[in-house]
């Protein structure tokens, strides 16, 4: 099963525990996570299911290419990381 982890910054707003999920695509992984943690959805994807502008998802060390359909393939040994871009001054 693929392992998904979220940035600690999300924990300030909603529980975002690491999980092991069996799915073939990023969309499948996120759908499985959102079933267990529905409040997390609004922090990761917009109302159309696309990654939010300031959210990046990596599969191992490669950023996902399909930010709209989330169709990037995921293997059982992959690690998925969800980050939020931080800005400020």
Foldseek 3Di string as FASTA:
>chain_A
DEKEFEDCVCVVPFDTHIDQDDDFFQLRVVVVSCVVGVVVQVVAAPPQRFGPPQKWKDWANHTDDDRRPRGHTHDNHIYMYIYGDDDDD
